[in-house]
Amino acid sequence: MDSKTRVRAEVWLRYAQDLRLGPYYRDRAASHSAAIESPSAPEQVPMPKDNGSLGVRSVNSDSKPPETPRVTTPELGRPALPIVQLSSGPSLFEEKVENDSLDHIREDIGPNCTRCKLYKARKNIVFGVGNPKAQLVFVGEGPGRDEDEQGEPFVGRAGKLLTQMIEAMGLKRSDVYICNVVKCRPPENRLPEKDEIATCSPYLFRQLGVIAPKVICALGSCSAQTMLQTTQGISRFRGEWFDYHGSKLIATYHPAYLLRNPPAKSEVWKDLQKIMAHLGLELPKKR
């Protein structure tokens, strides 16, 4: 397998080990011996890279590689997007924890997590905040400086704007749940790196599984790409609905982006009104 696939597999296996699950690996020595004794066995090679998904296939001259599931966006008149459709069934990399809860997830992370390199500069783990039974969850990319200081997501300038967005919907912060893909601040507020996302995102997935919201709003490319398993830029699918394990997911621009690009607020407001309609909230009257 290539280096990127190996890194992702290793961090997922370490996560499974933390949960005392597995084993998920085979005896390499035994496998090597079997391969020598059976040279005609089909070679296992990594799948062609597509949207960051993992998998292996048998090389066979009579077979064709499977086509990637695609999502169409007819109302925008755009080509179909290569976004993986998420299965509602169990997955090796989405472990189901019996009687899981937000408290159990917090305990599993622990107060002094060192699973990825982000721990070296962080002050506080930023778990999440809000209504544990919320119908609406906002997911950002990672904590910033203010969030790292206070241990709460979205409390800086971007957080204040998110609060205004929530209130414009007729809700309060305590009505929704707010969290991030990674729980520790990336240095200099950079985007989380792939290995950091692979290490920390399983806890996000567990949070979403416990809350089981009606709507998930992904704030920014990092959040959307992580949950939709795609490398497409957010502008290609912003404002579109996707099914996510029983919830509806919609992606919009991150509040930090809106601070730099105020004209984009009108587009985000359109997305928020779609969420309001889906949740049955009263829409603002047209003037």
C-alpha atoms as a PDB file:
ATOM      1  CA  MET A   1       0.000   0.000   0.000  1.00  0.00           C
ATOM      2  CA  ASP A   2       1.120   3.555  -0.545  1.00  0.00           C
ATOM      3  CA  SER A   3       2.421   5.704   2.310  1.00  0.00           C
ATOM      4  CA  LYS A   4      -0.782   7.723   2.766  1.00  0.00           C
ATOM      5  CA  THR A   5      -2.925   4.596   2.980  1.00  0.00           C
ATOM      6  CA  ARG A   6      -0.448   3.050   5.422  1.00  0.00           C
ATOM      7  CA  VAL A   7      -0.594   6.108   7.725  1.00  0.00           C
ATOM      8  CA  ARG A   8      -4.391   6.069   7.746  1.00  0.00           C
ATOM      9  CA  ALA A   9      -4.532   2.347   8.403  1.00  0.00           C
ATOM     10  CA  GLU A  10      -2.038   2.633  11.263  1.00  0.00           C
ATOM     11  CA  VAL A  11      -3.896   5.397  13.070  1.00  0.00           C
ATOM     12  CA  TRP A  12      -7.230   3.571  12.690  1.00  0.00           C
ATOM     13  CA  LEU A  13      -5.670   0.408  14.092  1.00  0.00           C
ATOM     14  CA  ARG A  14      -4.217   2.353  17.019  1.00  0.00           C
ATOM     15  CA  TYR A  15      -7.684   3.780  17.664  1.00  0.00           C
ATOM     16  CA  ALA A  16      -9.203   0.289  17.584  1.00  0.00           C
ATOM     17  CA  GLN A  17      -6.507  -0.879  19.979  1.00  0.00           C
ATOM     18  CA  ASP A  18      -7.426   1.950  22.383  1.00  0.00           C
ATOM     19  CA  LEU A  19     -10.981   0.571  22.350  1.00  0.00           C
ATOM     20  CA  ARG A  20      -9.617  -2.952  22.888  1.00  0.00           C
ATOM     21  CA  LEU A  21     -11.020  -4.118  19.579  1.00  0.00           C
ATOM     22  CA  GLY A  22      -9.423  -6.381  17.006  1.00  0.00           C
ATOM     23  CA  PRO A  23      -7.061  -7.814  16.072  1.00  0.00           C
ATOM     24  CA  TYR A  24      -7.484  -6.589  12.499  1.00  0.00           C
ATOM     25  CA  TYR A  25      -4.127  -7.565  11.100  1.00  0.00           C
ATOM     26  CA  ARG A  26      -2.709 -10.856   9.882  1.00  0.00           C
ATOM     27  CA  ASP A  27       0.496 -12.755  10.593  1.00  0.00           C
ATOM     28  CA  ARG A  28       2.804 -11.333   7.938  1.00  0.00           C
ATOM     29  CA  ALA A  29       5.240 -14.229   8.199  1.00  0.00           C
ATOM     30  CA  ALA A  30       2.488 -16.791   7.692  1.00  0.00           C
ATOM     31  CA  SER A  31       1.054 -14.764   4.837  1.00  0.00           C
ATOM     32  CA  HIS A  32       4.463 -14.551   3.198  1.00  0.00           C
ATOM     33  CA  SER A  33       4.926 -18.312   3.440  1.00  0.00           C
ATOM     34  CA  ALA A  34       1.499 -18.927   1.980  1.00  0.00           C
ATOM     35  CA  ALA A  35       2.275 -16.560  -0.881  1.00  0.00           C
ATOM     36  CA  ILE A  36       5.449 -18.505  -1.706  1.00  0.00           C
ATOM     37  CA  GLU A  37       3.556 -21.803  -1.695  1.00  0.00           C
ATOM     38  CA  SER A  38       0.721 -20.378  -3.829  1.00  0.00           C
ATOM     39  CA  PRO A  39       2.343 -18.128  -6.454  1.00  0.00           C
ATOM     40  CA  SER A  40      -0.779 -18.234  -8.621  1.00  0.00           C
ATOM     41  CA  ALA A  41      -2.942 -16.490  -6.009  1.00  0.00           C
ATOM     42  CA  PRO A  42      -4.280 -13.106  -7.207  1.00  0.00           C
ATOM     43  CA  GLU A  43      -2.103 -10.231  -6.143  1.00  0.00           C
ATOM     44  CA  GLN A  44      -3.638  -7.766  -3.659  1.00  0.00           C
ATOM     45  CA  VAL A  45      -2.838  -4.192  -4.534  1.00  0.00           C
ATOM     46  CA  PRO A  46      -4.092  -0.838  -3.238  1.00  0.00           C
ATOM     47  CA  MET A  47      -7.203   0.559  -4.837  1.00  0.00           C
ATOM     48  CA  PRO A  48      -6.610   3.512  -7.133  1.00  0.00           C
ATOM     49  CA  LYS A  49      -6.671   6.678  -5.072  1.00  0.00           C
ATOM     50  CA  ASP A  50     -10.191   8.080  -5.118  1.00  0.00           C
ATOM     51  CA  ASN A  51     -11.556  10.527  -2.558  1.00  0.00           C
ATOM     52  CA  GLY A  52      -9.230   9.199   0.138  1.00  0.00           C
ATOM     53  CA  SER A  53     -11.156   5.933   0.533  1.00  0.00           C
ATOM     54  CA  LEU A  54      -9.383   2.699   1.541  1.00  0.00           C
ATOM     55  CA  GLY A  55      -9.630  -0.771   0.093  1.00  0.00           C
ATOM     56  CA  VAL A  56      -7.938  -3.542  -1.881  1.00  0.00           C
ATOM     57  CA  ARG A  57      -8.953  -5.448  -4.954  1.00  0.00           C
ATOM     58  CA  SER A  58      -7.768  -8.565  -6.737  1.00  0.00           C
ATOM     59  CA  VAL A  59      -5.937  -8.036 -10.019  1.00  0.00           C
ATOM     60  CA  ASN A  60      -7.793  -9.929 -12.731  1.00  0.00           C
ATOM     61  CA  SER A  61      -7.504  -9.377 -16.463  1.00  0.00           C
ATOM     62  CA  ASP A  62     -11.219 -10.107 -16.919  1.00  0.00           C
ATOM     63  CA  SER A  63     -12.447  -7.628 -14.311  1.00  0.00           C
ATOM     64  CA  LYS A  64     -12.886  -3.892 -14.428  1.00  0.00           C
ATOM     65  CA  PRO A  65     -12.344  -1.525 -11.480  1.00  0.00           C
ATOM     66  CA  PRO A  66     -15.620  -0.581  -9.801  1.00  0.00           C
ATOM     67  CA  GLU A  67     -17.060   2.810 -10.582  1.00  0.00           C
ATOM     68  CA  THR A  68     -17.042   5.396  -7.807  1.00  0.00           C
ATOM     69  CA  PRO A  69     -20.523   6.305  -6.531  1.00  0.00           C
ATOM     70  CA  ARG A  70     -21.390   9.835  -7.576  1.00  0.00           C
ATOM     71  CA  VAL A  71     -23.777  12.490  -6.355  1.00  0.00           C
ATOM     72  CA  THR A  72     -25.575  14.656  -8.882  1.00  0.00           C
ATOM     73  CA  THR A  73     -26.371  18.320  -8.439  1.00  0.00           C
ATOM     74  CA  PRO A  74     -28.943  18.956 -11.195  1.00  0.00           C
ATOM     75  CA  GLU A  75     -30.196  22.246  -9.858  1.00  0.00           C
ATOM     76  CA  LEU A  76     -26.739  23.773 -10.284  1.00  0.00           C
ATOM     77  CA  GLY A  77     -26.176  22.236 -13.711  1.00  0.00           C
ATOM     78  CA  ARG A  78     -22.806  20.896 -12.591  1.00  0.00           C
ATOM     79  CA  PRO A  79     -21.126  17.552 -13.336  1.00  0.00           C
ATOM     80  CA  ALA A  80     -21.751  14.797 -10.826  1.00  0.00           C
ATOM     81  CA  LEU A  81     -19.392  14.916  -7.862  1.00  0.00           C
ATOM     82  CA  PRO A  82     -17.293  11.904  -6.843  1.00  0.00           C
ATOM     83  CA  ILE A  83     -18.498  11.879  -3.249  1.00  0.00           C
ATOM     84  CA  VAL A  84     -18.728   8.537  -1.500  1.00  0.00           C
ATOM     85  CA  GLN A  85     -22.234   7.572  -0.394  1.00  0.00           C
ATOM     86  CA  LEU A  86     -22.018   6.510   3.224  1.00  0.00           C
ATOM     87  CA  SER A  87     -23.456   3.134   4.116  1.00  0.00           C
ATOM     88  CA  SER A  88     -25.847   2.762   7.028  1.00  0.00           C
ATOM     89  CA  GLY A  89     -24.296  -0.602   7.878  1.00  0.00           C
ATOM     90  CA  PRO A  90     -21.325  -1.305  10.163  1.00  0.00           C
ATOM     91  CA  SER A  91     -17.811  -0.495   9.009  1.00  0.00           C
ATOM     92  CA  LEU A  92     -14.412  -1.724  10.169  1.00  0.00           C
ATOM     93  CA  PHE A  93     -13.336   1.883  10.703  1.00  0.00           C
ATOM     94  CA  GLU A  94     -16.516   3.127  12.404  1.00  0.00           C
ATOM     95  CA  GLU A  95     -16.621   1.050  15.530  1.00  0.00           C
ATOM     96  CA  LYS A  96     -19.926   0.878  17.371  1.00  0.00           C
ATOM     97  CA  VAL A  97     -19.476   1.242  21.118  1.00  0.00           C
ATOM     98  CA  GLU A  98     -22.279  -0.347  23.100  1.00  0.00           C
ATOM     99  CA  ASN A  99     -24.155   2.088  25.348  1.00  0.00           C
ATOM    100  CA  ASP A 100     -21.953   4.903  24.130  1.00  0.00           C
ATOM    101  CA  SER A 101     -22.390   8.438  25.465  1.00  0.00           C
ATOM    102  CA  LEU A 102     -20.696  11.796  25.248  1.00  0.00           C
ATOM    103  CA  ASP A 103     -19.249  11.227  28.723  1.00  0.00           C
ATOM    104  CA  HIS A 104     -17.793   7.870  27.638  1.00  0.00           C
ATOM    105  CA  ILE A 105     -16.234   9.475  24.557  1.00  0.00           C
ATOM    106  CA  ARG A 106     -14.705  12.236  26.665  1.00  0.00           C
ATOM    107  CA  GLU A 107     -13.305   9.618  29.050  1.00  0.00           C
ATOM    108  CA  ASP A 108     -11.875   7.594  26.152  1.00  0.00           C
ATOM    109  CA  ILE A 109     -10.060  10.659  24.831  1.00  0.00           C
ATOM    110  CA  GLY A 110      -8.775  11.394  28.317  1.00  0.00           C
ATOM    111  CA  PRO A 111      -7.494  14.661  29.771  1.00  0.00           C
ATOM    112  CA  ASN A 112      -3.966  14.216  28.440  1.00  0.00           C
ATOM    113  CA  CYS A 113      -4.371  12.699  24.970  1.00  0.00           C
ATOM    114  CA  THR A 114      -1.078  12.212  23.075  1.00  0.00           C
ATOM    115  CA  ARG A 115      -2.392  10.211  20.104  1.00  0.00           C
ATOM    116  CA  CYS A 116      -1.230  12.781  17.542  1.00  0.00           C
ATOM    117  CA  LYS A 117       1.345  15.566  17.472  1.00  0.00           C
ATOM    118  CA  LEU A 118      -1.200  18.309  18.193  1.00  0.00           C
ATOM    119  CA  TYR A 119      -0.875  17.610  21.924  1.00  0.00           C
ATOM    120  CA  LYS A 120       2.587  19.196  21.983  1.00  0.00           C
ATOM    121  CA  ALA A 121       1.343  22.788  21.808  1.00  0.00           C
ATOM    122  CA  ARG A 122      -2.226  22.608  23.092  1.00  0.00           C
ATOM    123  CA  LYS A 123      -3.426  23.930  26.423  1.00  0.00           C
ATOM    124  CA  ASN A 124      -6.866  22.335  26.530  1.00  0.00           C
ATOM    125  CA  ILE A 125      -8.693  19.549  24.739  1.00  0.00           C
ATOM    126  CA  VAL A 126     -11.785  21.132  23.172  1.00  0.00           C
ATOM    127  CA  PHE A 127     -14.382  18.386  23.231  1.00  0.00           C
ATOM    128  CA  GLY A 128     -17.696  19.996  22.317  1.00  0.00           C
ATOM    129  CA  VAL A 129     -20.529  21.952  23.884  1.00  0.00           C
ATOM    130  CA  GLY A 130     -24.288  22.233  23.704  1.00  0.00           C
ATOM    131  CA  ASN A 131     -27.441  20.155  23.846  1.00  0.00           C
ATOM    132  CA  PRO A 132     -26.602  16.410  23.883  1.00  0.00           C
ATOM    133  CA  LYS A 133     -29.971  15.753  22.216  1.00  0.00           C
ATOM    134  CA  ALA A 134     -29.720  18.581  19.693  1.00  0.00           C
ATOM    135  CA  GLN A 135     -31.499  18.329  16.362  1.00  0.00           C
ATOM    136  CA  LEU A 136     -28.751  20.467  14.814  1.00  0.00           C
ATOM    137  CA  VAL A 137     -24.991  19.997  15.126  1.00  0.00           C
ATOM    138  CA  PHE A 138     -22.361  22.381  13.775  1.00  0.00           C
ATOM    139  CA  VAL A 139     -18.968  20.832  13.006  1.00  0.00           C
ATOM    140  CA  GLY A 140     -15.880  22.989  12.463  1.00  0.00           C
ATOM    141  CA  GLU A 141     -12.304  22.030  11.658  1.00  0.00           C
ATOM    142  CA  GLY A 142     -10.399  22.609  14.909  1.00  0.00           C
ATOM    143  CA  PRO A 143      -9.961  24.940  17.890  1.00  0.00           C
ATOM    144  CA  GLY A 144      -8.280  28.326  17.569  1.00  0.00           C
ATOM    145  CA  ARG A 145      -6.340  30.315  20.141  1.00  0.00           C
ATOM    146  CA  ASP A 146      -9.362  31.457  22.164  1.00  0.00           C
ATOM    147  CA  GLU A 147     -10.874  27.975  22.073  1.00  0.00           C
ATOM    148  CA  ASP A 148      -7.598  26.463  23.246  1.00  0.00           C
ATOM    149  CA  GLU A 149      -7.483  28.937  26.147  1.00  0.00           C
ATOM    150  CA  GLN A 150     -11.073  28.353  27.255  1.00  0.00           C
ATOM    151  CA  GLY A 151     -11.554  24.702  26.297  1.00  0.00           C
ATOM    152  CA  GLU A 152     -14.777  25.491  24.409  1.00  0.00           C
ATOM    153  CA  PRO A 153     -15.381  25.498  20.640  1.00  0.00           C
ATOM    154  CA  PHE A 154     -16.201  28.675  18.691  1.00  0.00           C
ATOM    155  CA  VAL A 155     -15.675  31.374  21.336  1.00  0.00           C
ATOM    156  CA  GLY A 156     -13.383  33.728  19.372  1.00  0.00           C
ATOM    157  CA  ARG A 157     -14.339  36.161  16.598  1.00  0.00           C
ATOM    158  CA  ALA A 158     -15.542  33.349  14.347  1.00  0.00           C
ATOM    159  CA  GLY A 159     -17.443  31.901  17.294  1.00  0.00           C
ATOM    160  CA  LYS A 160     -19.261  35.156  17.916  1.00  0.00           C
ATOM    161  CA  LEU A 161     -20.310  35.207  14.265  1.00  0.00           C
ATOM    162  CA  LEU A 162     -21.531  31.601  14.557  1.00  0.00           C
ATOM    163  CA  THR A 163     -23.580  32.623  17.592  1.00  0.00           C
ATOM    164  CA  GLN A 164     -25.163  35.395  15.523  1.00  0.00           C
ATOM    165  CA  MET A 165     -25.927  32.878  12.768  1.00  0.00           C
ATOM    166  CA  ILE A 166     -27.592  30.546  15.274  1.00  0.00           C
ATOM    167  CA  GLU A 167     -29.636  33.379  16.772  1.00  0.00           C
ATOM    168  CA  ALA A 168     -30.695  34.520  13.288  1.00  0.00           C
ATOM    169  CA  MET A 169     -32.236  31.048  12.918  1.00  0.00           C
ATOM    170  CA  GLY A 170     -34.337  31.671  16.036  1.00  0.00           C
ATOM    171  CA  LEU A 171     -32.182  29.368  18.198  1.00  0.00           C
ATOM    172  CA  LYS A 172     -29.672  29.694  21.031  1.00  0.00           C
ATOM    173  CA  ARG A 173     -26.244  28.093  21.367  1.00  0.00           C
ATOM    174  CA  SER A 174     -27.684  25.901  24.111  1.00  0.00           C
ATOM    175  CA  ASP A 175     -30.214  24.504  21.607  1.00  0.00           C
ATOM    176  CA  VAL A 176     -27.544  23.104  19.270  1.00  0.00           C
ATOM    177  CA  TYR A 177     -24.334  21.127  19.652  1.00  0.00           C
ATOM    178  CA  ILE A 178     -20.983  22.517  18.470  1.00  0.00           C
ATOM    179  CA  CYS A 179     -17.780  20.546  17.968  1.00  0.00           C
ATOM    180  CA  ASN A 180     -14.779  20.122  15.672  1.00  0.00           C
ATOM    181  CA  VAL A 181     -13.058  17.462  13.589  1.00  0.00           C
ATOM    182  CA  VAL A 182      -9.941  17.631  15.805  1.00  0.00           C
ATOM    183  CA  LYS A 183     -10.022  18.399  19.514  1.00  0.00           C
ATOM    184  CA  CYS A 184      -6.670  20.180  19.853  1.00  0.00           C
ATOM    185  CA  ARG A 185      -5.521  23.446  18.307  1.00  0.00           C
ATOM    186  CA  PRO A 186      -3.316  23.127  15.217  1.00  0.00           C
ATOM    187  CA  PRO A 187      -0.261  25.422  15.526  1.00  0.00           C
ATOM    188  CA  GLU A 188      -0.781  28.921  14.121  1.00  0.00           C
ATOM    189  CA  ASN A 189      -4.390  27.952  13.364  1.00  0.00           C
ATOM    190  CA  ARG A 190      -3.333  25.933  10.313  1.00  0.00           C
ATOM    191  CA  LEU A 191      -5.629  23.306   8.850  1.00  0.00           C
ATOM    192  CA  PRO A 192      -5.471  19.891  10.536  1.00  0.00           C
ATOM    193  CA  GLU A 193      -3.226  17.463   8.683  1.00  0.00           C
ATOM    194  CA  LYS A 194      -4.404  14.119   7.329  1.00  0.00           C
ATOM    195  CA  ASP A 195      -2.858  11.988  10.057  1.00  0.00           C
ATOM    196  CA  GLU A 196      -4.319  14.268  12.749  1.00  0.00           C
ATOM    197  CA  ILE A 197      -7.767  14.037  11.176  1.00  0.00           C
ATOM    198  CA  ALA A 198      -7.503  10.261  10.857  1.00  0.00           C
ATOM    199  CA  THR A 199      -6.539   9.984  14.532  1.00  0.00           C
ATOM    200  CA  CYS A 200      -9.180  12.296  15.989  1.00  0.00           C
ATOM    201  CA  SER A 201     -12.171  12.052  13.631  1.00  0.00           C
ATOM    202  CA  PRO A 202     -13.393   8.691  15.041  1.00  0.00           C
ATOM    203  CA  TYR A 203     -14.331  10.555  18.221  1.00  0.00           C
ATOM    204  CA  LEU A 204     -16.292  13.063  16.145  1.00  0.00           C
ATOM    205  CA  PHE A 205     -18.105  10.195  14.423  1.00  0.00           C
ATOM    206  CA  ARG A 206     -18.969   8.729  17.815  1.00  0.00           C
ATOM    207  CA  GLN A 207     -20.261  12.109  19.013  1.00  0.00           C
ATOM    208  CA  LEU A 208     -22.534  12.359  16.000  1.00  0.00           C
ATOM    209  CA  GLY A 209     -23.684   8.770  16.510  1.00  0.00           C
ATOM    210  CA  VAL A 210     -24.633   9.452  20.135  1.00  0.00           C
ATOM    211  CA  ILE A 211     -26.414  12.741  19.443  1.00  0.00           C
ATOM    212  CA  ALA A 212     -28.093  11.446  16.257  1.00  0.00           C
ATOM    213  CA  PRO A 213     -29.094  14.944  15.108  1.00  0.00           C
ATOM    214  CA  LYS A 214     -31.653  15.625  12.432  1.00  0.00           C
ATOM    215  CA  VAL A 215     -29.197  17.952  10.634  1.00  0.00           C
ATOM    216  CA  ILE A 216     -25.416  18.265  10.604  1.00  0.00           C
ATOM    217  CA  CYS A 217     -23.976  21.533   9.303  1.00  0.00           C
ATOM    218  CA  ALA A 218     -20.348  21.165   8.201  1.00  0.00           C
ATOM    219  CA  LEU A 219     -18.534  24.480   8.548  1.00  0.00           C
ATOM    220  CA  GLY A 220     -15.766  24.741   5.965  1.00  0.00           C
ATOM    221  CA  SER A 221     -13.933  22.385   3.637  1.00  0.00           C
ATOM    222  CA  CYS A 222     -12.062  20.371   6.274  1.00  0.00           C
ATOM    223  CA  SER A 223     -15.233  19.377   8.118  1.00  0.00           C
ATOM    224  CA  ALA A 224     -17.205  18.664   4.941  1.00  0.00           C
ATOM    225  CA  GLN A 225     -14.423  16.677   3.280  1.00  0.00           C
ATOM    226  CA  THR A 226     -13.877  14.583   6.419  1.00  0.00           C
ATOM    227  CA  MET A 227     -17.509  13.541   6.745  1.00  0.00           C
ATOM    228  CA  LEU A 228     -18.236  13.185   3.019  1.00  0.00           C
ATOM    229  CA  GLN A 229     -14.919  11.434   2.318  1.00  0.00           C
ATOM    230  CA  THR A 230     -14.082  13.639  -0.630  1.00  0.00           C
ATOM    231  CA  THR A 231     -11.288  15.920  -1.786  1.00  0.00           C
ATOM    232  CA  GLN A 232     -13.594  18.238  -3.724  1.00  0.00           C
ATOM    233  CA  GLY A 233     -13.610  21.900  -2.730  1.00  0.00           C
ATOM    234  CA  ILE A 234     -16.602  23.039  -0.709  1.00  0.00           C
ATOM    235  CA  SER A 235     -17.754  25.457  -3.415  1.00  0.00           C
ATOM    236  CA  ARG A 236     -18.648  22.428  -5.568  1.00  0.00           C
ATOM    237  CA  PHE A 237     -21.264  21.083  -3.153  1.00  0.00           C
ATOM    238  CA  ARG A 238     -22.010  23.878  -0.680  1.00  0.00           C
ATOM    239  CA  GLY A 239     -25.730  24.071   0.073  1.00  0.00           C
ATOM    240  CA  GLU A 240     -26.501  20.532  -1.158  1.00  0.00           C
ATOM    241  CA  TRP A 241     -28.118  17.882   1.043  1.00  0.00           C
ATOM    242  CA  PHE A 242     -26.416  14.543   1.752  1.00  0.00           C
ATOM    243  CA  ASP A 243     -27.483  11.525   3.773  1.00  0.00           C
ATOM    244  CA  TYR A 244     -25.158  10.824   6.692  1.00  0.00           C
ATOM    245  CA  HIS A 245     -26.000   7.698   8.705  1.00  0.00           C
ATOM    246  CA  GLY A 246     -29.618   8.722   9.238  1.00  0.00           C
ATOM    247  CA  SER A 247     -28.943  12.459   9.502  1.00  0.00           C
ATOM    248  CA  LYS A 248     -29.063  15.111   6.793  1.00  0.00           C
ATOM    249  CA  LEU A 249     -25.762  16.855   6.169  1.00  0.00           C
ATOM    250  CA  ILE A 250     -25.249  20.217   4.517  1.00  0.00           C
ATOM    251  CA  ALA A 251     -21.980  22.100   4.095  1.00  0.00           C
ATOM    252  CA  THR A 252     -21.505  25.856   4.188  1.00  0.00           C
ATOM    253  CA  TYR A 253     -18.656  28.315   4.565  1.00  0.00           C
ATOM    254  CA  HIS A 254     -16.782  28.584   7.865  1.00  0.00           C
ATOM    255  CA  PRO A 255     -17.471  31.719   9.930  1.00  0.00           C
ATOM    256  CA  ALA A 256     -13.743  32.563   9.771  1.00  0.00           C
ATOM    257  CA  TYR A 257     -14.045  32.653   5.973  1.00  0.00           C
ATOM    258  CA  LEU A 258     -16.997  35.031   6.296  1.00  0.00           C
ATOM    259  CA  LEU A 259     -14.897  37.400   8.382  1.00  0.00           C
ATOM    260  CA  ARG A 260     -12.472  37.622   5.464  1.00  0.00           C
ATOM    261  CA  ASN A 261     -15.168  37.588   2.780  1.00  0.00           C
ATOM    262  CA  PRO A 262     -18.321  39.356   4.072  1.00  0.00           C
ATOM    263  CA  PRO A 263     -20.183  39.121   0.708  1.00  0.00           C
ATOM    264  CA  ALA A 264     -20.366  35.329   1.194  1.00  0.00           C
ATOM    265  CA  LYS A 265     -22.694  35.831   4.165  1.00  0.00           C
ATOM    266  CA  SER A 266     -25.673  35.957   1.813  1.00  0.00           C
ATOM    267  CA  GLU A 267     -24.841  32.483   0.505  1.00  0.00           C
ATOM    268  CA  VAL A 268     -24.514  31.105   4.029  1.00  0.00           C
ATOM    269  CA  TRP A 269     -27.847  32.655   4.976  1.00  0.00           C
ATOM    270  CA  LYS A 270     -29.462  30.739   2.122  1.00  0.00           C
ATOM    271  CA  ASP A 271     -27.964  27.521   3.513  1.00  0.00           C
ATOM    272  CA  LEU A 272     -29.168  28.307   7.029  1.00  0.00           C
ATOM    273  CA  GLN A 273     -32.686  28.875   5.721  1.00  0.00           C
ATOM    274  CA  LYS A 274     -32.589  25.405   4.124  1.00  0.00           C
ATOM    275  CA  ILE A 275     -31.735  24.009   7.540  1.00  0.00           C
ATOM    276  CA  MET A 276     -34.551  25.991   9.138  1.00  0.00           C
ATOM    277  CA  ALA A 277     -37.043  24.650   6.614  1.00  0.00           C
ATOM    278  CA  HIS A 278     -35.907  21.074   7.231  1.00  0.00           C
ATOM    279  CA  LEU A 279     -36.207  21.527  11.008  1.00  0.00           C
ATOM    280  CA  GLY A 280     -39.596  23.195  10.712  1.00  0.00           C
ATOM    281  CA  LEU A 281     -38.360  26.537  12.075  1.00  0.00           C
ATOM    282  CA  GLU A 282     -40.152  29.724  11.117  1.00  0.00           C
ATOM    283  CA  LEU A 283     -38.542  31.345   8.099  1.00  0.00           C
ATOM    284  CA  PRO A 284     -38.110  35.120   7.943  1.00  0.00           C
ATOM    285  CA  LYS A 285     -40.862  36.903   6.081  1.00  0.00           C
ATOM    286  CA  LYS A 286     -39.936  38.263   2.696  1.00  0.00           C
ATOM    287  CA  ARG A 287     -39.922  42.029   2.507  1.00  0.00           C
END
